[in-house]
C-alpha atoms as a PDB file:
ATOM      1  CA  MET A   1     -94.025 -77.721  58.646  1.00  0.00           C
ATOM      2  CA  LYS A   2     -94.611 -77.885  62.405  1.00  0.00           C
ATOM      3  CA  ALA A   3     -95.696 -80.604  64.809  1.00  0.00           C
ATOM      4  CA  ASP A   4     -96.500 -80.882  68.500  1.00  0.00           C
ATOM      5  CA  VAL A   5     -94.145 -82.644  70.897  1.00  0.00           C
ATOM      6  CA  ILE A   6     -95.697 -84.312  73.937  1.00  0.00           C
ATOM      7  CA  ASP A   7     -94.123 -85.626  77.120  1.00  0.00           C
ATOM      8  CA  ILE A   8     -94.778 -88.978  78.793  1.00  0.00           C
ATOM      9  CA  THR A   9     -97.848 -87.539  80.532  1.00  0.00           C
ATOM     10  CA  GLY A  10     -99.442 -86.624  77.212  1.00  0.00           C
ATOM     11  CA  LYS A  11     -99.032 -82.860  77.610  1.00  0.00           C
ATOM     12  CA  ILE A  12     -97.862 -80.733  74.692  1.00  0.00           C
ATOM     13  CA  THR A  13     -94.510 -79.235  75.605  1.00  0.00           C
ATOM     14  CA  GLU A  14     -93.529 -77.438  72.397  1.00  0.00           C
ATOM     15  CA  LYS A  15     -93.927 -77.123  68.662  1.00  0.00           C
ATOM     16  CA  ILE A  16     -91.007 -78.118  66.465  1.00  0.00           C
ATOM     17  CA  GLU A  17     -90.102 -77.533  62.849  1.00  0.00           C
ATOM     18  CA  LEU A  18     -89.973 -80.787  60.906  1.00  0.00           C
ATOM     19  CA  PRO A  19     -87.672 -81.378  57.930  1.00  0.00           C
ATOM     20  CA  GLN A  20     -89.808 -80.884  54.842  1.00  0.00           C
ATOM     21  CA  GLU A  21     -87.868 -83.428  52.782  1.00  0.00           C
ATOM     22  CA  VAL A  22     -88.591 -86.185  55.315  1.00  0.00           C
ATOM     23  CA  PHE A  23     -92.189 -85.583  56.366  1.00  0.00           C
ATOM     24  CA  GLY A  24     -93.444 -83.605  53.384  1.00  0.00           C
ATOM     25  CA  ALA A  25     -91.980 -85.678  50.561  1.00  0.00           C
ATOM     26  CA  GLU A  26     -93.777 -86.914  47.473  1.00  0.00           C
ATOM     27  CA  ILE A  27     -95.636 -90.152  48.191  1.00  0.00           C
ATOM     28  CA  ASN A  28     -94.744 -92.568  45.418  1.00  0.00           C
ATOM     29  CA  GLU A  29     -96.675 -95.748  46.219  1.00  0.00           C
ATOM     30  CA  GLN A  30     -95.019 -97.744  43.452  1.00  0.00           C
ATOM     31  CA  LEU A  31     -91.551 -96.833  44.712  1.00  0.00           C
ATOM     32  CA  ILE A  32     -92.504 -97.678  48.306  1.00  0.00           C
ATOM     33  CA  ALA A  33     -93.824-101.072  47.169  1.00  0.00           C
ATOM     34  CA  GLN A  34     -90.595-101.702  45.254  1.00  0.00           C
ATOM     35  CA  ALA A  35     -88.470-100.806  48.293  1.00  0.00           C
ATOM     36  CA  ILE A  36     -90.533-103.146  50.478  1.00  0.00           C
ATOM     37  CA  ARG A  37     -90.112-105.950  47.947  1.00  0.00           C
ATOM     38  CA  VAL A  38     -86.334-105.421  47.936  1.00  0.00           C
ATOM     39  CA  TYR A  39     -86.225-105.350  51.749  1.00  0.00           C
ATOM     40  CA  LEU A  40     -88.169-108.606  52.089  1.00  0.00           C
ATOM     41  CA  ALA A  41     -86.025-110.301  49.437  1.00  0.00           C
ATOM     42  CA  ASN A  42     -82.889-109.260  51.312  1.00  0.00           C
ATOM     43  CA  GLN A  43     -84.203-110.883  54.497  1.00  0.00           C
ATOM     44  CA  ARG A  44     -84.283-114.310  52.842  1.00  0.00           C
ATOM     45  CA  GLN A  45     -81.354-116.490  53.855  1.00  0.00           C
ATOM     46  CA  GLY A  46     -81.426-118.709  50.802  1.00  0.00           C
ATOM     47  CA  THR A  47     -79.991-121.675  52.740  1.00  0.00           C
ATOM     48  CA  HIS A  48     -82.701-124.183  51.732  1.00  0.00           C
ATOM     49  CA  ASP A  49     -81.125-127.245  50.134  1.00  0.00           C
ATOM     50  CA  THR A  50     -81.841-130.798  49.010  1.00  0.00           C
ATOM     51  CA  LYS A  51     -79.390-133.560  48.156  1.00  0.00           C
ATOM     52  CA  THR A  52     -78.925-134.854  44.653  1.00  0.00           C
ATOM     53  CA  ARG A  53     -78.110-138.498  43.881  1.00  0.00           C
ATOM     54  CA  ALA A  54     -74.437-137.561  44.088  1.00  0.00           C
ATOM     55  CA  GLU A  55     -74.826-136.292  47.653  1.00  0.00           C
ATOM     56  CA  VAL A  56     -77.049-138.863  49.372  1.00  0.00           C
ATOM     57  CA  ARG A  57     -75.421-141.670  51.300  1.00  0.00           C
ATOM     58  CA  GLY A  58     -75.192-145.197  49.902  1.00  0.00           C
ATOM     59  CA  GLY A  59     -75.920-146.662  46.481  1.00  0.00           C
ATOM     60  CA  GLY A  60     -72.304-147.335  45.709  1.00  0.00           C
ATOM     61  CA  ARG A  61     -72.758-150.680  44.027  1.00  0.00           C
ATOM     62  CA  LYS A  62     -75.084-151.858  41.320  1.00  0.00           C
ATOM     63  CA  PRO A  63     -78.163-153.472  42.968  1.00  0.00           C
ATOM     64  CA  TRP A  64     -78.248-156.431  40.558  1.00  0.00           C
ATOM     65  CA  LYS A  65     -76.602-157.510  37.370  1.00  0.00           C
ATOM     66  CA  GLN A  66     -77.506-155.801  34.135  1.00  0.00           C
ATOM     67  CA  LYS A  67     -79.085-158.775  32.366  1.00  0.00           C
ATOM     68  CA  GLY A  68     -80.810-162.036  33.089  1.00  0.00           C
ATOM     69  CA  THR A  69     -82.919-161.159  36.126  1.00  0.00           C
ATOM     70  CA  GLY A  70     -86.077-160.152  34.295  1.00  0.00           C
ATOM     71  CA  ARG A  71     -86.119-156.878  36.161  1.00  0.00           C
ATOM     72  CA  ALA A  72     -85.456-153.412  34.838  1.00  0.00           C
ATOM     73  CA  ARG A  73     -81.820-152.421  34.742  1.00  0.00           C
ATOM     74  CA  GLN A  74     -80.674-150.338  37.687  1.00  0.00           C
ATOM     75  CA  GLY A  75     -77.374-148.634  38.317  1.00  0.00           C
ATOM     76  CA  SER A  76     -77.857-147.330  41.851  1.00  0.00           C
ATOM     77  CA  THR A  77     -80.335-147.497  44.720  1.00  0.00           C
ATOM     78  CA  ARG A  78     -79.910-143.777  45.116  1.00  0.00           C
ATOM     79  CA  ALA A  79     -81.447-142.849  41.784  1.00  0.00           C
ATOM     80  CA  PRO A  80     -84.339-140.343  42.149  1.00  0.00           C
ATOM     81  CA  HIS A  81     -87.084-142.970  41.729  1.00  0.00           C
ATOM     82  CA  TRP A  82     -85.769-145.113  44.602  1.00  0.00           C
ATOM     83  CA  LYS A  83     -86.766-144.613  48.228  1.00  0.00           C
ATOM     84  CA  GLY A  84     -83.924-142.711  49.866  1.00  0.00           C
ATOM     85  CA  GLY A  85     -82.686-141.546  46.487  1.00  0.00           C
ATOM     86  CA  GLY A  86     -81.600-138.087  45.463  1.00  0.00           C
ATOM     87  CA  ILE A  87     -83.908-135.213  44.607  1.00  0.00           C
ATOM     88  CA  VAL A  88     -84.207-133.953  41.038  1.00  0.00           C
ATOM     89  CA  PHE A  89     -84.269-130.175  40.510  1.00  0.00           C
ATOM     90  CA  GLY A  90     -84.698-129.518  44.235  1.00  0.00           C
ATOM     91  CA  PRO A  91     -83.896-126.166  45.890  1.00  0.00           C
ATOM     92  CA  GLU A  92     -80.248-125.261  46.315  1.00  0.00           C
ATOM     93  CA  PRO A  93     -78.557-122.456  48.263  1.00  0.00           C
ATOM     94  CA  ARG A  94     -78.886-119.176  46.405  1.00  0.00           C
ATOM     95  CA  ASP A  95     -78.676-115.461  46.923  1.00  0.00           C
ATOM     96  CA  HIS A  96     -82.100-113.804  46.888  1.00  0.00           C
ATOM     97  CA  SER A  97     -80.830-110.282  47.519  1.00  0.00           C
ATOM     98  CA  LEU A  98     -81.878-107.396  45.307  1.00  0.00           C
ATOM     99  CA  ALA A  99     -80.330-103.962  44.935  1.00  0.00           C
ATOM    100  CA  LEU A 100     -81.943-100.549  45.048  1.00  0.00           C
ATOM    101  CA  PRO A 101     -80.033 -97.274  44.653  1.00  0.00           C
ATOM    102  CA  VAL A 102     -79.621 -95.260  47.851  1.00  0.00           C
ATOM    103  CA  LYS A 103     -81.481 -92.315  46.336  1.00  0.00           C
ATOM    104  CA  MET A 104     -84.517 -94.485  45.610  1.00  0.00           C
ATOM    105  CA  ARG A 105     -84.385 -96.049  49.092  1.00  0.00           C
ATOM    106  CA  ARG A 106     -84.246 -92.579  50.601  1.00  0.00           C
ATOM    107  CA  GLN A 107     -87.220 -91.388  48.555  1.00  0.00           C
ATOM    108  CA  ALA A 108     -89.193 -94.517  49.463  1.00  0.00           C
ATOM    109  CA  LEU A 109     -88.490 -94.077  53.196  1.00  0.00           C
ATOM    110  CA  TYR A 110     -89.333 -90.381  53.145  1.00  0.00           C
ATOM    111  CA  GLY A 111     -92.485 -91.112  51.141  1.00  0.00           C
ATOM    112  CA  ALA A 112     -93.575 -93.738  53.680  1.00  0.00           C
ATOM    113  CA  LEU A 113     -92.979 -91.345  56.583  1.00  0.00           C
ATOM    114  CA  SER A 114     -94.816 -88.561  54.758  1.00  0.00           C
ATOM    115  CA  ASP A 115     -97.775 -90.869  54.188  1.00  0.00           C
ATOM    116  CA  LYS A 116     -97.933 -91.671  57.916  1.00  0.00           C
ATOM    117  CA  PHE A 117     -97.597 -88.003  58.842  1.00  0.00           C
ATOM    118  CA  LYS A 118    -100.292 -86.988  56.357  1.00  0.00           C
ATOM    119  CA  ASN A 119    -102.662 -89.561  57.866  1.00  0.00           C
ATOM    120  CA  LYS A 120    -101.843 -88.455  61.438  1.00  0.00           C
ATOM    121  CA  LYS A 121    -100.186 -91.746  62.326  1.00  0.00           C
ATOM    122  CA  ILE A 122     -97.084 -90.166  63.894  1.00  0.00           C
ATOM    123  CA  ILE A 123     -96.602 -88.641  67.336  1.00  0.00           C
ATOM    124  CA  PHE A 124     -93.439 -86.950  68.582  1.00  0.00           C
ATOM    125  CA  VAL A 125     -92.460 -87.626  72.177  1.00  0.00           C
ATOM    126  CA  GLU A 126     -89.783 -86.564  74.637  1.00  0.00           C
ATOM    127  CA  GLY A 127     -88.832 -88.197  77.928  1.00  0.00           C
ATOM    128  CA  LEU A 128     -89.021 -91.855  76.882  1.00  0.00           C
ATOM    129  CA  ALA A 129     -85.287 -92.252  77.473  1.00  0.00           C
ATOM    130  CA  ASP A 130     -85.897 -91.717  81.201  1.00  0.00           C
ATOM    131  CA  ILE A 131     -87.761 -95.037  81.471  1.00  0.00           C
ATOM    132  CA  LYS A 132     -85.244 -97.456  82.999  1.00  0.00           C
ATOM    133  CA  ASN A 133     -85.837-101.145  82.256  1.00  0.00           C
ATOM    134  CA  LYS A 134     -89.442-100.949  83.478  1.00  0.00           C
ATOM    135  CA  THR A 135     -91.901-102.691  81.149  1.00  0.00           C
ATOM    136  CA  LYS A 136     -94.829-101.791  83.385  1.00  0.00           C
ATOM    137  CA  GLU A 137     -93.843 -98.122  83.363  1.00  0.00           C
ATOM    138  CA  LEU A 138     -93.477 -97.989  79.564  1.00  0.00           C
ATOM    139  CA  ALA A 139     -96.785 -99.797  79.072  1.00  0.00           C
ATOM    140  CA  LYS A 140     -98.498 -97.231  81.290  1.00  0.00           C
ATOM    141  CA  VAL A 141     -96.949 -94.355  79.315  1.00  0.00           C
ATOM    142  CA  LEU A 142     -98.126 -95.896  76.031  1.00  0.00           C
ATOM    143  CA  GLU A 143    -101.661 -96.132  77.417  1.00  0.00           C
ATOM    144  CA  ILE A 144    -101.525 -92.413  78.171  1.00  0.00           C
ATOM    145  CA  ILE A 145     -99.995 -91.073  74.963  1.00  0.00           C
ATOM    146  CA  THR A 146    -101.562 -93.482  72.444  1.00  0.00           C
ATOM    147  CA  ASP A 147    -104.877 -95.136  71.743  1.00  0.00           C
ATOM    148  CA  LYS A 148    -105.509 -98.873  71.363  1.00  0.00           C
ATOM    149  CA  THR A 149    -103.886 -98.917  67.942  1.00  0.00           C
ATOM    150  CA  LYS A 150    -102.016-102.133  67.291  1.00  0.00           C
ATOM    151  CA  LYS A 151     -98.499-102.397  65.873  1.00  0.00           C
ATOM    152  CA  LYS A 152     -96.804 -99.411  67.460  1.00  0.00           C
ATOM    153  CA  LEU A 153     -93.246 -98.497  66.537  1.00  0.00           C
ATOM    154  CA  ILE A 154     -90.912 -96.442  68.740  1.00  0.00           C
ATOM    155  CA  ILE A 155     -88.128 -94.800  66.755  1.00  0.00           C
ATOM    156  CA  MET A 156     -85.077 -94.095  68.911  1.00  0.00           C
ATOM    157  CA  PRO A 157     -82.099 -91.830  68.037  1.00  0.00           C
ATOM    158  CA  GLU A 158     -79.889 -94.863  68.628  1.00  0.00           C
ATOM    159  CA  LYS A 159     -80.422 -98.119  70.497  1.00  0.00           C
ATOM    160  CA  ILE A 160     -81.223 -97.140  74.084  1.00  0.00           C
ATOM    161  CA  GLU A 161     -80.665-100.348  75.999  1.00  0.00           C
ATOM    162  CA  SER A 162     -82.872 -99.482  78.970  1.00  0.00           C
ATOM    163  CA  LEU A 163     -85.796 -98.458  76.738  1.00  0.00           C
ATOM    164  CA  TRP A 164     -85.353-101.488  74.515  1.00  0.00           C
ATOM    165  CA  ARG A 165     -85.417-103.797  77.552  1.00  0.00           C
ATOM    166  CA  ALA A 166     -88.557-102.078  78.825  1.00  0.00           C
ATOM    167  CA  GLY A 167     -90.392-102.475  75.523  1.00  0.00           C
ATOM    168  CA  ARG A 168     -89.277-105.823  74.154  1.00  0.00           C
ATOM    169  CA  ASN A 169     -92.001-107.792  75.976  1.00  0.00           C
ATOM    170  CA  ILE A 170     -94.886-105.461  75.158  1.00  0.00           C
ATOM    171  CA  LYS A 171     -97.243-106.996  72.627  1.00  0.00           C
ATOM    172  CA  ASN A 172     -97.496-105.275  69.234  1.00  0.00           C
ATOM    173  CA  LEU A 173     -94.626-102.905  70.017  1.00  0.00           C
ATOM    174  CA  ASN A 174     -91.375-102.653  68.092  1.00  0.00           C
ATOM    175  CA  LEU A 175     -88.392-100.424  68.823  1.00  0.00           C
ATOM    176  CA  ILE A 176     -85.808 -99.436  66.239  1.00  0.00           C
ATOM    177  CA  PRO A 177     -82.927 -96.953  65.961  1.00  0.00           C
ATOM    178  CA  ALA A 178     -83.524 -94.205  63.404  1.00  0.00           C
ATOM    179  CA  ARG A 179     -80.624 -95.347  61.215  1.00  0.00           C
ATOM    180  CA  GLN A 180     -82.242 -98.784  60.757  1.00  0.00           C
ATOM    181  CA  LEU A 181     -85.587 -97.409  59.663  1.00  0.00           C
ATOM    182  CA  ASN A 182     -86.924 -98.720  56.355  1.00  0.00           C
ATOM    183  CA  PRO A 183     -90.168 -98.421  54.346  1.00  0.00           C
ATOM    184  CA  TYR A 184     -91.331-101.924  55.271  1.00  0.00           C
ATOM    185  CA  ILE A 185     -91.357-101.420  59.046  1.00  0.00           C
ATOM    186  CA  VAL A 186     -92.874 -97.935  58.610  1.00  0.00           C
ATOM    187  CA  MET A 187     -95.774 -99.154  56.470  1.00  0.00           C
ATOM    188  CA  ASN A 188     -96.217-102.280  58.610  1.00  0.00           C
ATOM    189  CA  SER A 189     -96.797-100.147  61.731  1.00  0.00           C
ATOM    190  CA  ASN A 190    -100.113 -98.515  62.548  1.00  0.00           C
ATOM    191  CA  LEU A 191     -98.598 -95.777  64.716  1.00  0.00           C
ATOM    192  CA  LEU A 192     -95.109 -94.292  64.797  1.00  0.00           C
ATOM    193  CA  ILE A 193     -93.823 -92.888  68.094  1.00  0.00           C
ATOM    194  CA  ILE A 194     -90.792 -90.807  67.177  1.00  0.00           C
ATOM    195  CA  MET A 195     -88.560 -89.606  69.986  1.00  0.00           C
ATOM    196  CA  LYS A 196     -87.723 -85.929  69.625  1.00  0.00           C
ATOM    197  CA  GLU A 197     -84.006 -86.703  69.573  1.00  0.00           C
ATOM    198  CA  ALA A 198     -84.490 -89.091  66.635  1.00  0.00           C
ATOM    199  CA  ILE A 199     -86.063 -86.637  64.191  1.00  0.00           C
ATOM    200  CA  ASN A 200     -82.827 -85.400  62.662  1.00  0.00           C
ATOM    201  CA  LYS A 201     -81.272 -88.889  62.767  1.00  0.00           C
ATOM    202  CA  ILE A 202     -83.815 -90.164  60.265  1.00  0.00           C
ATOM    203  CA  LYS A 203     -82.374 -88.089  57.443  1.00  0.00           C
ATOM    204  CA  ILE A 204     -80.153 -90.138  55.135  1.00  0.00           C
ATOM    205  CA  LYS A 205     -77.179 -88.076  54.112  1.00  0.00           C
ATOM    206  CA  LYS A 206     -75.448 -88.410  50.778  1.00  0.00           C
ATOM    207  CA  GLY A 207     -72.996 -91.307  50.765  1.00  0.00           C
ATOM    208  CA  GLU A 208     -74.643 -93.144  53.681  1.00  0.00           C
ATOM    209  CA  ASN A 209     -76.101 -96.600  53.359  1.00  0.00           C
ATOM    210  CA  ALA A 210     -79.802 -96.769  54.004  1.00  0.00           C
ATOM    211  CA  ALA A 211     -81.284 -99.806  55.737  1.00  0.00           C
ATOM    212  CA  THR A 212     -82.414-102.464  53.287  1.00  0.00           C
END
């Protein structure tokens, strides 16, 4: 399995051999959807909370005596039916995280990348690391090497600070180190721009934790 590598001027510089297991994997749509669901669940903080009648302030004494007033008996002004009272069955902090075996995460990621490669939504580029903190320069390069496709994703071998600074203000562009790649961000991008140096960093080795 071979692919062209282009430079920042759009010229083809070489052909490289791609890892078959990463870009030629079986595309299991159900597994990819499951991995995306797990990823999104793991992004939830679960910090939403409401106060019960035991937690709200006030209501320490009985509002009126039990009998003789003609009104309904009340024990506290912080009961749920009172204004300013506690909430019944409201949300409480909880852990939304889900688990997915590393092998399944790996297969889902490789399947997502293979789907993009099959549909010609991946380009391999060299020379992007030479762009030093220049948003205008990176934007010009992207105009040359890509079309007007929205939601572009640059996959770096590791976080390159100068490249990240150059691209962080460009609309519809994300940058991510190869080790943090996951099926959600792959499928949520219309075009993947993979730096040549990042190709072999995408592979998840046995015993490593894949991004969730």
